Amino acid sequence: MSEATATNTTLIIFAKNPIKGRVKTRLAKTTGPEKALQIYKELLAICKGYTQSLPFRKVLYHDLYSYNYGYWPKEQFIQRIQKGANLGDRMAIAFKEQFEYAKQVLIIGADCPYLGSTILQEAADKLKTNDLVIGPSLDGGYYLMGMRHFEPSLFQNINWSTETVLTATIEKAKQLSLRIHLLPTLSDIDHYEDWEAFLSSKEV
């Protein structure tokens, strides 16, 4: 990776504070809240593992309050709090804040264990020649978005947490005449069978 990309890229990580009953609620319907919390903590550790060594400026946005529970060394991960009424607002505000420090900004959640440093590297590199990079998820959303210029309309009038998020976002991007690069499609961990599939994939 070039020095220019390394110094000009900020990676935003959206993560929920690991509190029983507040994380992975769909998964908890099968596992119960205690097991769901344990799985989410494992997802956080995985996310830290594949982002820690990346030569990006890394900013962790907690959903409630800054709480360093052992996964995120503060010398490597800047701590911030999410702001906004819904997911779109929170992402838009985070992007706007971080474009004050970087020429290109990526955002991911902490619940896609298939994502790794190679794909994040590809996302940063593809922003050299594209306006927008998106990592589609199997549920119709996306696990990653990267931009070279802040486009707030990409976060407006989207039905979040539905299977239409990706298609609606791409349609908005086309209306803005943005050059788009799509990354490999990956699975988030929303249900227990998603977690079981991930564990099985590690054993292959």
N, C-alpha and C. Protein backbone atom coordinates (compact mmCIF):
# COMPACT_ATOMS: atom_id res chain seq x y z
N MET A 1 0.83 -1.19 0.00
CA MET A 1 0.00 0.00 0.00
C MET A 1 0.88 1.25 0.00
N SER A 2 0.49 2.24 -0.78
CA SER A 2 1.30 3.44 -0.89
C SER A 2 1.21 4.28 0.38
N GLU A 3 2.24 5.07 0.60
CA GLU A 3 2.26 5.94 1.78
C GLU A 3 1.11 6.94 1.72
N ALA A 4 0.80 7.43 0.49
CA ALA A 4 -0.27 8.42 0.35
C ALA A 4 -1.60 7.87 0.82
N THR A 5 -1.91 6.62 0.40
CA THR A 5 -3.17 6.03 0.82
C THR A 5 -3.19 5.79 2.33
N ALA A 6 -2.07 5.36 2.86
CA ALA A 6 -2.00 5.07 4.29
C ALA A 6 -2.29 6.31 5.13
N THR A 7 -1.76 7.44 4.73
CA THR A 7 -1.91 8.64 5.54
C THR A 7 -3.20 9.39 5.25
N ASN A 8 -3.87 9.07 4.15
CA ASN A 8 -5.05 9.83 3.76
C ASN A 8 -6.36 9.09 4.03
N THR A 9 -6.29 7.89 4.56
CA THR A 9 -7.49 7.08 4.77
C THR A 9 -7.86 7.01 6.25
N THR A 10 -9.13 7.29 6.54
CA THR A 10 -9.67 7.07 7.88
C THR A 10 -10.68 5.94 7.82
N LEU A 11 -10.58 5.03 8.77
CA LEU A 11 -11.53 3.92 8.90
C LEU A 11 -12.41 4.17 10.12
N ILE A 12 -13.71 4.28 9.89
CA ILE A 12 -14.70 4.40 10.96
C ILE A 12 -15.21 3.00 11.29
N ILE A 13 -15.26 2.67 12.57
CA ILE A 13 -15.85 1.41 13.02
C ILE A 13 -17.04 1.73 13.92
N PHE A 14 -18.22 1.31 13.50
CA PHE A 14 -19.42 1.48 14.34
C PHE A 14 -19.59 0.23 15.19
N ALA A 15 -19.67 0.42 16.49
CA ALA A 15 -19.84 -0.71 17.40
C ALA A 15 -20.80 -0.35 18.52
N LYS A 16 -21.58 -1.32 18.93
CA LYS A 16 -22.46 -1.11 20.08
C LYS A 16 -21.70 -1.43 21.36
N ASN A 17 -22.04 -0.73 22.42
CA ASN A 17 -21.47 -1.10 23.71
C ASN A 17 -21.97 -2.49 24.07
N PRO A 18 -21.09 -3.38 24.53
CA PRO A 18 -21.48 -4.77 24.79
C PRO A 18 -22.27 -4.92 26.08
N ILE A 19 -23.57 -4.69 25.96
CA ILE A 19 -24.47 -4.76 27.11
C ILE A 19 -25.52 -5.82 26.84
N LYS A 20 -25.70 -6.72 27.78
CA LYS A 20 -26.67 -7.81 27.62
C LYS A 20 -28.07 -7.26 27.36
N GLY A 21 -28.71 -7.78 26.35
CA GLY A 21 -30.05 -7.35 26.00
C GLY A 21 -30.10 -6.25 24.96
N ARG A 22 -28.93 -5.64 24.65
CA ARG A 22 -28.89 -4.54 23.68
C ARG A 22 -28.19 -4.92 22.38
N VAL A 23 -27.47 -6.03 22.38
CA VAL A 23 -26.71 -6.40 21.19
C VAL A 23 -27.24 -7.70 20.60
N LYS A 24 -27.24 -7.77 19.26
CA LYS A 24 -27.64 -8.97 18.54
C LYS A 24 -28.98 -9.52 19.03
N THR A 25 -29.98 -8.64 19.00
CA THR A 25 -31.28 -9.02 19.55
C THR A 25 -31.97 -10.10 18.71
N ARG A 26 -31.76 -10.07 17.39
CA ARG A 26 -32.35 -11.13 16.55
C ARG A 26 -31.69 -12.47 16.85
N LEU A 27 -30.40 -12.45 17.01
CA LEU A 27 -29.68 -13.67 17.36
C LEU A 27 -30.10 -14.17 18.73
N ALA A 28 -30.36 -13.23 19.65
CA ALA A 28 -30.73 -13.59 21.02
C ALA A 28 -32.06 -14.32 21.10
N LYS A 29 -32.91 -14.16 20.08
CA LYS A 29 -34.18 -14.88 20.08
C LYS A 29 -33.96 -16.38 20.06
N THR A 30 -32.81 -16.80 19.52
CA THR A 30 -32.46 -18.22 19.47
C THR A 30 -31.55 -18.61 20.63
N THR A 31 -30.58 -17.76 20.92
CA THR A 31 -29.53 -18.13 21.87
C THR A 31 -29.79 -17.65 23.30
N GLY A 32 -30.63 -16.64 23.44
CA GLY A 32 -30.76 -15.96 24.72
C GLY A 32 -29.78 -14.80 24.78
N PRO A 33 -30.06 -13.80 25.61
CA PRO A 33 -29.24 -12.58 25.63
C PRO A 33 -27.80 -12.80 26.09
N GLU A 34 -27.56 -13.73 27.01
CA GLU A 34 -26.20 -13.96 27.52
C GLU A 34 -25.29 -14.51 26.42
N LYS A 35 -25.77 -15.51 25.68
CA LYS A 35 -24.99 -16.08 24.59
C LYS A 35 -24.80 -15.07 23.47
N ALA A 36 -25.84 -14.30 23.19
CA ALA A 36 -25.74 -13.27 22.14
C ALA A 36 -24.66 -12.25 22.50
N LEU A 37 -24.60 -11.88 23.77
CA LEU A 37 -23.56 -10.95 24.22
C LEU A 37 -22.18 -11.56 24.04
N GLN A 38 -22.03 -12.82 24.40
CA GLN A 38 -20.74 -13.50 24.25
C GLN A 38 -20.30 -13.51 22.79
N ILE A 39 -21.24 -13.82 21.88
CA ILE A 39 -20.92 -13.85 20.45
C ILE A 39 -20.53 -12.45 19.97
N TYR A 40 -21.25 -11.43 20.44
CA TYR A 40 -20.92 -10.08 20.00
C TYR A 40 -19.53 -9.67 20.48
N LYS A 41 -19.17 -10.06 21.69
CA LYS A 41 -17.82 -9.76 22.17
C LYS A 41 -16.77 -10.46 21.31
N GLU A 42 -17.08 -11.67 20.86
CA GLU A 42 -16.16 -12.37 19.97
C GLU A 42 -16.05 -11.64 18.63
N LEU A 43 -17.17 -11.12 18.14
CA LEU A 43 -17.15 -10.35 16.89
C LEU A 43 -16.30 -9.09 17.05
N LEU A 44 -16.41 -8.43 18.19
CA LEU A 44 -15.60 -7.25 18.44
C LEU A 44 -14.12 -7.59 18.42
N ALA A 45 -13.77 -8.70 19.05
CA ALA A 45 -12.37 -9.12 19.09
C ALA A 45 -11.86 -9.45 17.69
N ILE A 46 -12.69 -10.09 16.88
CA ILE A 46 -12.30 -10.40 15.50
C ILE A 46 -12.08 -9.12 14.71
N CYS A 47 -13.00 -8.18 14.87
CA CYS A 47 -12.90 -6.90 14.16
C CYS A 47 -11.62 -6.16 14.55
N LYS A 48 -11.34 -6.13 15.84
CA LYS A 48 -10.10 -5.50 16.29
C LYS A 48 -8.90 -6.18 15.67
N GLY A 49 -8.96 -7.50 15.57
CA GLY A 49 -7.84 -8.26 15.05
C GLY A 49 -7.49 -7.92 13.61
N TYR A 50 -8.51 -7.77 12.74
CA TYR A 50 -8.18 -7.50 11.33
C TYR A 50 -8.04 -6.01 11.01
N THR A 51 -8.37 -5.14 11.94
CA THR A 51 -8.20 -3.70 11.68
C THR A 51 -6.97 -3.11 12.38
N GLN A 52 -6.49 -3.78 13.42
CA GLN A 52 -5.46 -3.20 14.27
C GLN A 52 -4.19 -2.83 13.51
N SER A 53 -3.77 -3.69 12.59
CA SER A 53 -2.49 -3.47 11.91
C SER A 53 -2.60 -2.62 10.65
N LEU A 54 -3.82 -2.25 10.26
CA LEU A 54 -3.98 -1.46 9.04
C LEU A 54 -3.38 -0.07 9.23
N PRO A 55 -2.68 0.43 8.22
CA PRO A 55 -2.04 1.75 8.33
C PRO A 55 -3.00 2.89 8.04
N PHE A 56 -4.21 2.80 8.60
CA PHE A 56 -5.21 3.85 8.46
C PHE A 56 -5.34 4.58 9.80
N ARG A 57 -5.88 5.77 9.74
CA ARG A 57 -6.35 6.43 10.96
C ARG A 57 -7.67 5.75 11.32
N LYS A 58 -7.76 5.19 12.52
CA LYS A 58 -8.92 4.38 12.90
C LYS A 58 -9.72 5.06 14.01
N VAL A 59 -11.04 5.16 13.81
CA VAL A 59 -11.90 5.85 14.77
C VAL A 59 -13.06 4.92 15.14
N LEU A 60 -13.14 4.57 16.40
CA LEU A 60 -14.20 3.70 16.89
C LEU A 60 -15.34 4.56 17.42
N TYR A 61 -16.51 4.39 16.83
CA TYR A 61 -17.71 5.12 17.27
C TYR A 61 -18.60 4.17 18.08
N HIS A 62 -18.64 4.38 19.39
CA HIS A 62 -19.55 3.62 20.26
C HIS A 62 -20.97 4.20 20.12
N ASP A 63 -21.96 3.38 20.45
CA ASP A 63 -23.34 3.87 20.30
C ASP A 63 -23.84 4.58 21.55
N LEU A 64 -23.25 4.32 22.72
CA LEU A 64 -23.74 4.95 23.95
C LEU A 64 -22.70 5.83 24.61
N TYR A 65 -21.56 5.27 24.92
CA TYR A 65 -20.53 6.02 25.63
C TYR A 65 -19.19 5.35 25.34
N SER A 66 -18.14 6.11 25.47
CA SER A 66 -16.81 5.57 25.23
C SER A 66 -16.45 4.62 26.37
N TYR A 67 -16.13 3.40 25.99
CA TYR A 67 -15.86 2.39 26.99
C TYR A 67 -14.83 1.42 26.44
N ASN A 68 -13.61 1.53 26.90
CA ASN A 68 -12.54 0.67 26.40
C ASN A 68 -12.53 -0.62 27.21
N TYR A 69 -13.21 -1.65 26.67
CA TYR A 69 -13.38 -2.89 27.40
C TYR A 69 -12.32 -3.92 26.98
N GLY A 70 -11.12 -3.43 26.69
CA GLY A 70 -10.01 -4.34 26.47
C GLY A 70 -9.72 -4.68 25.03
N TYR A 71 -10.63 -4.35 24.11
CA TYR A 71 -10.43 -4.72 22.73
C TYR A 71 -9.73 -3.63 21.91
N TRP A 72 -9.90 -2.39 22.31
CA TRP A 72 -9.50 -1.28 21.46
C TRP A 72 -8.42 -0.42 22.12
N PRO A 73 -7.14 -0.70 21.86
CA PRO A 73 -6.08 0.14 22.43
C PRO A 73 -6.25 1.59 21.99
N LYS A 74 -6.28 2.49 22.95
CA LYS A 74 -6.58 3.88 22.62
C LYS A 74 -5.47 4.55 21.83
N GLU A 75 -4.26 3.98 21.86
CA GLU A 75 -3.20 4.54 21.04
C GLU A 75 -3.38 4.18 19.56
N GLN A 76 -4.27 3.23 19.28
CA GLN A 76 -4.52 2.81 17.90
C GLN A 76 -5.92 3.16 17.41
N PHE A 77 -6.86 3.26 18.33
CA PHE A 77 -8.26 3.53 17.96
C PHE A 77 -8.74 4.78 18.69
N ILE A 78 -9.03 5.82 17.94
CA ILE A 78 -9.62 7.02 18.51
C ILE A 78 -11.04 6.70 18.93
N GLN A 79 -11.48 7.20 20.07
CA GLN A 79 -12.81 6.88 20.60
C GLN A 79 -13.78 8.05 20.39
N ARG A 80 -14.93 7.75 19.81
CA ARG A 80 -15.97 8.74 19.59
C ARG A 80 -17.33 8.16 19.95
N ILE A 81 -18.35 9.01 20.03
CA ILE A 81 -19.72 8.59 20.31
C ILE A 81 -20.58 8.87 19.09
N GLN A 82 -21.42 7.92 18.72
CA GLN A 82 -22.34 8.12 17.60
C GLN A 82 -23.38 9.17 17.97
N LYS A 83 -23.75 9.99 16.98
CA LYS A 83 -24.76 11.03 17.17
C LYS A 83 -25.77 10.96 16.03
N GLY A 84 -27.05 11.14 16.36
CA GLY A 84 -28.07 11.12 15.32
C GLY A 84 -29.27 10.28 15.71
N ALA A 85 -30.40 10.54 15.05
CA ALA A 85 -31.66 9.90 15.42
C ALA A 85 -31.79 8.48 14.87
N ASN A 86 -31.15 8.20 13.74
CA ASN A 86 -31.23 6.86 13.15
C ASN A 86 -29.88 6.50 12.55
N LEU A 87 -29.77 5.30 12.00
CA LEU A 87 -28.49 4.83 11.49
C LEU A 87 -27.95 5.74 10.39
N GLY A 88 -28.83 6.19 9.50
CA GLY A 88 -28.38 7.08 8.44
C GLY A 88 -27.80 8.38 8.96
N ASP A 89 -28.50 8.97 9.92
CA ASP A 89 -27.99 10.21 10.54
C ASP A 89 -26.65 9.98 11.20
N ARG A 90 -26.53 8.86 11.92
CA ARG A 90 -25.30 8.59 12.66
C ARG A 90 -24.11 8.39 11.71
N MET A 91 -24.35 7.67 10.62
CA MET A 91 -23.27 7.46 9.65
C MET A 91 -22.90 8.76 8.95
N ALA A 92 -23.91 9.54 8.57
CA ALA A 92 -23.64 10.80 7.88
C ALA A 92 -22.82 11.74 8.76
N ILE A 93 -23.19 11.84 10.03
CA ILE A 93 -22.46 12.72 10.94
C ILE A 93 -21.03 12.24 11.11
N ALA A 94 -20.84 10.92 11.23
CA ALA A 94 -19.50 10.38 11.40
C ALA A 94 -18.64 10.66 10.16
N PHE A 95 -19.21 10.45 8.97
CA PHE A 95 -18.47 10.74 7.75
C PHE A 95 -18.08 12.21 7.69
N LYS A 96 -19.04 13.08 7.97
CA LYS A 96 -18.76 14.52 7.91
C LYS A 96 -17.64 14.90 8.86
N GLU A 97 -17.68 14.33 10.07
CA GLU A 97 -16.63 14.62 11.06
C GLU A 97 -15.27 14.17 10.57
N GLN A 98 -15.21 12.98 10.00
CA GLN A 98 -13.91 12.41 9.66
C GLN A 98 -13.34 12.95 8.35
N PHE A 99 -14.18 13.53 7.49
CA PHE A 99 -13.64 14.17 6.29
C PHE A 99 -12.87 15.45 6.63
N GLU A 100 -12.94 15.88 7.87
CA GLU A 100 -12.10 16.99 8.30
C GLU A 100 -10.65 16.56 8.46
N TYR A 101 -10.43 15.24 8.54
CA TYR A 101 -9.09 14.72 8.81
C TYR A 101 -8.52 13.87 7.68
N ALA A 102 -9.34 13.47 6.72
CA ALA A 102 -8.88 12.52 5.71
C ALA A 102 -9.45 12.86 4.34
N LYS A 103 -8.75 12.40 3.31
CA LYS A 103 -9.21 12.59 1.94
C LYS A 103 -10.15 11.49 1.50
N GLN A 104 -10.11 10.37 2.17
CA GLN A 104 -11.08 9.30 1.90
C GLN A 104 -11.41 8.59 3.20
N VAL A 105 -12.69 8.21 3.31
CA VAL A 105 -13.19 7.65 4.57
C VAL A 105 -13.95 6.37 4.29
N LEU A 106 -13.67 5.35 5.10
CA LEU A 106 -14.39 4.08 5.05
C LEU A 106 -15.17 3.91 6.34
N ILE A 107 -16.30 3.19 6.25
CA ILE A 107 -17.05 2.85 7.46
C ILE A 107 -17.43 1.38 7.41
N ILE A 108 -17.31 0.71 8.56
CA ILE A 108 -17.73 -0.68 8.69
C ILE A 108 -18.45 -0.84 10.03
N GLY A 109 -19.19 -1.93 10.15
CA GLY A 109 -19.71 -2.34 11.43
C GLY A 109 -18.76 -3.37 12.03
N ALA A 110 -19.08 -3.82 13.22
CA ALA A 110 -18.20 -4.78 13.89
C ALA A 110 -18.73 -6.20 13.82
N ASP A 111 -19.72 -6.45 12.98
CA ASP A 111 -20.39 -7.75 12.99
C ASP A 111 -20.27 -8.52 11.68
N CYS A 112 -19.17 -8.29 10.94
CA CYS A 112 -18.93 -9.04 9.72
C CYS A 112 -17.57 -9.72 9.85
N PRO A 113 -17.52 -10.92 10.43
CA PRO A 113 -16.24 -11.57 10.68
C PRO A 113 -15.52 -12.04 9.43
N TYR A 114 -16.23 -12.09 8.30
CA TYR A 114 -15.60 -12.48 7.04
C TYR A 114 -14.75 -11.35 6.46
N LEU A 115 -15.03 -10.15 6.88
CA LEU A 115 -14.26 -9.00 6.42
C LEU A 115 -12.86 -9.06 7.00
N GLY A 116 -11.87 -8.70 6.21
CA GLY A 116 -10.50 -8.74 6.69
C GLY A 116 -9.69 -7.60 6.14
N SER A 117 -8.42 -7.59 6.48
CA SER A 117 -7.55 -6.49 6.07
C SER A 117 -7.39 -6.41 4.56
N THR A 118 -7.45 -7.55 3.87
CA THR A 118 -7.28 -7.56 2.40
C THR A 118 -8.40 -6.79 1.72
N ILE A 119 -9.64 -7.03 2.14
CA ILE A 119 -10.77 -6.33 1.53
C ILE A 119 -10.76 -4.85 1.91
N LEU A 120 -10.40 -4.54 3.13
CA LEU A 120 -10.31 -3.14 3.54
C LEU A 120 -9.21 -2.43 2.74
N GLN A 121 -8.12 -3.13 2.48
CA GLN A 121 -7.06 -2.57 1.65
C GLN A 121 -7.56 -2.30 0.24
N GLU A 122 -8.31 -3.28 -0.31
CA GLU A 122 -8.87 -3.11 -1.65
C GLU A 122 -9.80 -1.90 -1.69
N ALA A 123 -10.63 -1.76 -0.66
CA ALA A 123 -11.56 -0.63 -0.60
C ALA A 123 -10.82 0.70 -0.66
N ALA A 124 -9.75 0.82 0.13
CA ALA A 124 -8.96 2.06 0.14
C ALA A 124 -8.31 2.30 -1.21
N ASP A 125 -7.77 1.25 -1.80
CA ASP A 125 -7.10 1.40 -3.09
C ASP A 125 -8.08 1.78 -4.20
N LYS A 126 -9.27 1.19 -4.19
CA LYS A 126 -10.26 1.46 -5.24
C LYS A 126 -10.80 2.89 -5.16
N LEU A 127 -10.67 3.52 -4.02
CA LEU A 127 -11.12 4.91 -3.90
C LEU A 127 -10.18 5.88 -4.62
N LYS A 128 -9.04 5.38 -5.08
CA LYS A 128 -8.15 6.23 -5.88
C LYS A 128 -8.79 6.56 -7.23
N THR A 129 -9.62 5.65 -7.74
CA THR A 129 -10.20 5.82 -9.07
C THR A 129 -11.73 5.77 -9.08
N ASN A 130 -12.34 5.66 -7.89
CA ASN A 130 -13.80 5.63 -7.79
C ASN A 130 -14.25 6.62 -6.72
N ASP A 131 -15.50 7.07 -6.85
CA ASP A 131 -16.06 7.99 -5.86
C ASP A 131 -16.64 7.26 -4.66
N LEU A 132 -17.09 6.03 -4.90
CA LEU A 132 -17.82 5.28 -3.87
C LEU A 132 -17.44 3.82 -3.95
N VAL A 133 -17.16 3.22 -2.81
CA VAL A 133 -16.92 1.78 -2.71
C VAL A 133 -17.93 1.20 -1.74
N ILE A 134 -18.57 0.10 -2.13
CA ILE A 134 -19.59 -0.53 -1.30
C ILE A 134 -19.31 -2.02 -1.19
N GLY A 135 -19.45 -2.55 0.02
CA GLY A 135 -19.37 -3.98 0.25
C GLY A 135 -20.76 -4.54 0.50
N PRO A 136 -21.37 -5.18 -0.48
CA PRO A 136 -22.73 -5.70 -0.30
C PRO A 136 -22.79 -6.84 0.71
N SER A 137 -23.86 -6.89 1.47
CA SER A 137 -24.09 -8.02 2.37
C SER A 137 -25.26 -8.85 1.85
N LEU A 138 -25.28 -10.10 2.24
CA LEU A 138 -26.26 -11.03 1.70
C LEU A 138 -27.70 -10.65 2.05
N ASP A 139 -27.88 -9.87 3.11
CA ASP A 139 -29.24 -9.52 3.54
C ASP A 139 -29.81 -8.30 2.83
N GLY A 140 -29.08 -7.79 1.82
CA GLY A 140 -29.59 -6.64 1.08
C GLY A 140 -29.07 -5.30 1.57
N GLY A 141 -28.21 -5.32 2.56
CA GLY A 141 -27.58 -4.10 3.04
C GLY A 141 -26.14 -4.02 2.57
N TYR A 142 -25.31 -3.35 3.35
CA TYR A 142 -23.89 -3.34 3.03
C TYR A 142 -23.07 -3.35 4.32
N TYR A 143 -21.90 -4.00 4.23
CA TYR A 143 -21.03 -4.11 5.40
C TYR A 143 -19.93 -3.06 5.39
N LEU A 144 -19.78 -2.37 4.27
CA LEU A 144 -18.75 -1.35 4.13
C LEU A 144 -19.20 -0.30 3.14
N MET A 145 -18.85 0.96 3.44
CA MET A 145 -18.99 2.03 2.46
C MET A 145 -17.75 2.91 2.56
N GLY A 146 -17.26 3.33 1.41
CA GLY A 146 -16.13 4.24 1.37
C GLY A 146 -16.40 5.37 0.39
N MET A 147 -15.97 6.59 0.74
CA MET A 147 -16.21 7.75 -0.11
C MET A 147 -14.96 8.61 -0.20
N ARG A 148 -14.81 9.28 -1.34
CA ARG A 148 -13.77 10.29 -1.49
C ARG A 148 -14.30 11.69 -1.22
N HIS A 149 -15.62 11.84 -1.35
CA HIS A 149 -16.27 13.13 -1.09
C HIS A 149 -17.53 12.84 -0.29
N PHE A 150 -17.83 13.68 0.67
CA PHE A 150 -19.01 13.47 1.50
C PHE A 150 -20.28 13.71 0.69
N GLU A 151 -21.13 12.69 0.64
CA GLU A 151 -22.40 12.77 -0.09
C GLU A 151 -23.53 12.46 0.88
N PRO A 152 -24.07 13.47 1.58
CA PRO A 152 -25.09 13.22 2.62
C PRO A 152 -26.36 12.57 2.10
N SER A 153 -26.69 12.78 0.82
CA SER A 153 -27.94 12.23 0.29
C SER A 153 -27.95 10.70 0.27
N LEU A 154 -26.76 10.08 0.32
CA LEU A 154 -26.70 8.62 0.34
C LEU A 154 -27.27 8.04 1.62
N PHE A 155 -27.48 8.87 2.62
CA PHE A 155 -27.98 8.40 3.92
C PHE A 155 -29.40 8.89 4.20
N GLN A 156 -30.00 9.55 3.24
CA GLN A 156 -31.32 10.13 3.43
C GLN A 156 -32.40 9.30 2.75
N ASN A 157 -33.55 9.17 3.41
CA ASN A 157 -34.71 8.47 2.87
C ASN A 157 -34.39 7.02 2.49
N ILE A 158 -33.64 6.36 3.37
CA ILE A 158 -33.33 4.94 3.22
C ILE A 158 -34.07 4.17 4.31
N ASN A 159 -34.70 3.07 3.94
CA ASN A 159 -35.38 2.22 4.93
C ASN A 159 -34.34 1.28 5.54
N TRP A 160 -33.73 1.75 6.62
CA TRP A 160 -32.63 1.02 7.22
C TRP A 160 -33.08 -0.31 7.80
N SER A 161 -32.15 -1.27 7.81
CA SER A 161 -32.41 -2.63 8.33
C SER A 161 -33.44 -3.37 7.49
N THR A 162 -33.50 -3.05 6.19
CA THR A 162 -34.36 -3.79 5.27
C THR A 162 -33.51 -4.28 4.11
N GLU A 163 -34.10 -5.15 3.29
CA GLU A 163 -33.38 -5.73 2.16
C GLU A 163 -33.24 -4.75 0.99
N THR A 164 -33.77 -3.53 1.13
CA THR A 164 -33.70 -2.56 0.04
C THR A 164 -32.58 -1.54 0.20
N VAL A 165 -31.81 -1.65 1.29
CA VAL A 165 -30.79 -0.63 1.59
C VAL A 165 -29.76 -0.52 0.47
N LEU A 166 -29.23 -1.65 0.02
CA LEU A 166 -28.17 -1.63 -0.99
C LEU A 166 -28.67 -1.06 -2.31
N THR A 167 -29.80 -1.56 -2.79
CA THR A 167 -30.30 -1.11 -4.09
C THR A 167 -30.67 0.37 -4.05
N ALA A 168 -31.26 0.82 -2.95
CA ALA A 168 -31.62 2.24 -2.83
C ALA A 168 -30.37 3.12 -2.80
N THR A 169 -29.32 2.64 -2.12
CA THR A 169 -28.09 3.42 -2.04
C THR A 169 -27.41 3.50 -3.40
N ILE A 170 -27.37 2.40 -4.12
CA ILE A 170 -26.75 2.40 -5.46
C ILE A 170 -27.53 3.29 -6.41
N GLU A 171 -28.84 3.27 -6.31
CA GLU A 171 -29.67 4.12 -7.17
C GLU A 171 -29.38 5.59 -6.90
N LYS A 172 -29.26 5.95 -5.64
CA LYS A 172 -28.92 7.34 -5.30
C LYS A 172 -27.54 7.70 -5.86
N ALA A 173 -26.60 6.78 -5.74
CA ALA A 173 -25.25 7.04 -6.24
C ALA A 173 -25.25 7.24 -7.75
N LYS A 174 -26.04 6.47 -8.47
CA LYS A 174 -26.13 6.62 -9.92
C LYS A 174 -26.75 7.97 -10.29
N GLN A 175 -27.74 8.41 -9.50
CA GLN A 175 -28.35 9.72 -9.76
C GLN A 175 -27.34 10.84 -9.57
N LEU A 176 -26.35 10.61 -8.71
CA LEU A 176 -25.30 11.60 -8.47
C LEU A 176 -24.13 11.43 -9.45
N SER A 177 -24.25 10.44 -10.35
CA SER A 177 -23.20 10.13 -11.34
C SER A 177 -21.88 9.77 -10.68
N LEU A 178 -21.96 9.04 -9.57
CA LEU A 178 -20.75 8.61 -8.87
C LEU A 178 -20.19 7.34 -9.50
N ARG A 179 -18.88 7.26 -9.56
CA ARG A 179 -18.22 6.03 -10.00
C ARG A 179 -18.19 5.06 -8.82
N ILE A 180 -18.75 3.87 -9.02
CA ILE A 180 -18.96 2.91 -7.94
C ILE A 180 -18.12 1.66 -8.16
N HIS A 181 -17.50 1.18 -7.10
CA HIS A 181 -16.84 -0.12 -7.12
C HIS A 181 -17.48 -1.00 -6.06
N LEU A 182 -17.90 -2.21 -6.45
CA LEU A 182 -18.51 -3.15 -5.52
C LEU A 182 -17.48 -4.19 -5.09
N LEU A 183 -17.39 -4.39 -3.79
CA LEU A 183 -16.52 -5.40 -3.21
C LEU A 183 -17.23 -6.76 -3.18
N PRO A 184 -16.55 -7.83 -2.78
CA PRO A 184 -17.22 -9.13 -2.67
C PRO A 184 -18.40 -9.08 -1.71
N THR A 185 -19.42 -9.85 -2.02
CA THR A 185 -20.59 -9.94 -1.14
C THR A 185 -20.27 -10.86 0.04
N LEU A 186 -20.56 -10.38 1.25
CA LEU A 186 -20.28 -11.13 2.46
C LEU A 186 -21.53 -11.21 3.34
N SER A 187 -21.45 -12.02 4.37
CA SER A 187 -22.58 -12.20 5.29
C SER A 187 -22.29 -11.53 6.63
N ASP A 188 -23.25 -10.78 7.13
CA ASP A 188 -23.20 -10.30 8.51
C ASP A 188 -23.67 -11.42 9.44
N ILE A 189 -23.50 -11.20 10.72
CA ILE A 189 -24.00 -12.16 11.72
C ILE A 189 -25.24 -11.56 12.36
N ASP A 190 -26.39 -11.95 11.87
CA ASP A 190 -27.65 -11.45 12.41
C ASP A 190 -28.44 -12.55 13.12
N HIS A 191 -28.25 -13.79 12.69
CA HIS A 191 -28.98 -14.92 13.26
C HIS A 191 -27.99 -16.00 13.69
N TYR A 192 -28.44 -16.92 14.53
CA TYR A 192 -27.52 -17.93 15.05
C TYR A 192 -26.97 -18.81 13.94
N GLU A 193 -27.78 -19.09 12.92
CA GLU A 193 -27.27 -19.90 11.81
C GLU A 193 -26.14 -19.20 11.07
N ASP A 194 -26.16 -17.86 11.06
CA ASP A 194 -25.04 -17.11 10.47
C ASP A 194 -23.76 -17.36 11.25
N TRP A 195 -23.87 -17.37 12.56
CA TRP A 195 -22.70 -17.60 13.41
C TRP A 195 -22.19 -19.04 13.25
N GLU A 196 -23.13 -20.00 13.20
CA GLU A 196 -22.74 -21.39 13.01
C GLU A 196 -22.03 -21.57 11.67
N ALA A 197 -22.53 -20.89 10.63
CA ALA A 197 -21.90 -20.99 9.30
C ALA A 197 -20.50 -20.41 9.33
N PHE A 198 -20.31 -19.32 10.06
CA PHE A 198 -18.97 -18.74 10.17
C PHE A 198 -18.02 -19.69 10.89
N LEU A 199 -18.47 -20.27 12.00
CA LEU A 199 -17.63 -21.21 12.72
C LEU A 199 -17.26 -22.41 11.86
N SER A 200 -18.22 -22.87 11.07
CA SER A 200 -17.96 -24.01 10.17
C SER A 200 -16.94 -23.63 9.10
N SER A 201 -17.01 -22.38 8.62
CA SER A 201 -16.10 -21.95 7.56
C SER A 201 -14.65 -21.90 8.06
N LYS A 202 -14.47 -21.68 9.36
CA LYS A 202 -13.11 -21.64 9.92
C LYS A 202 -12.53 -23.03 10.03
N GLU A 203 -13.39 -24.05 10.09
CA GLU A 203 -12.92 -25.42 10.26
C GLU A 203 -12.54 -26.06 8.94
N VAL A 204 -12.95 -25.44 7.84
CA VAL A 204 -12.66 -26.02 6.51
C VAL A 204 -11.18 -25.90 6.19
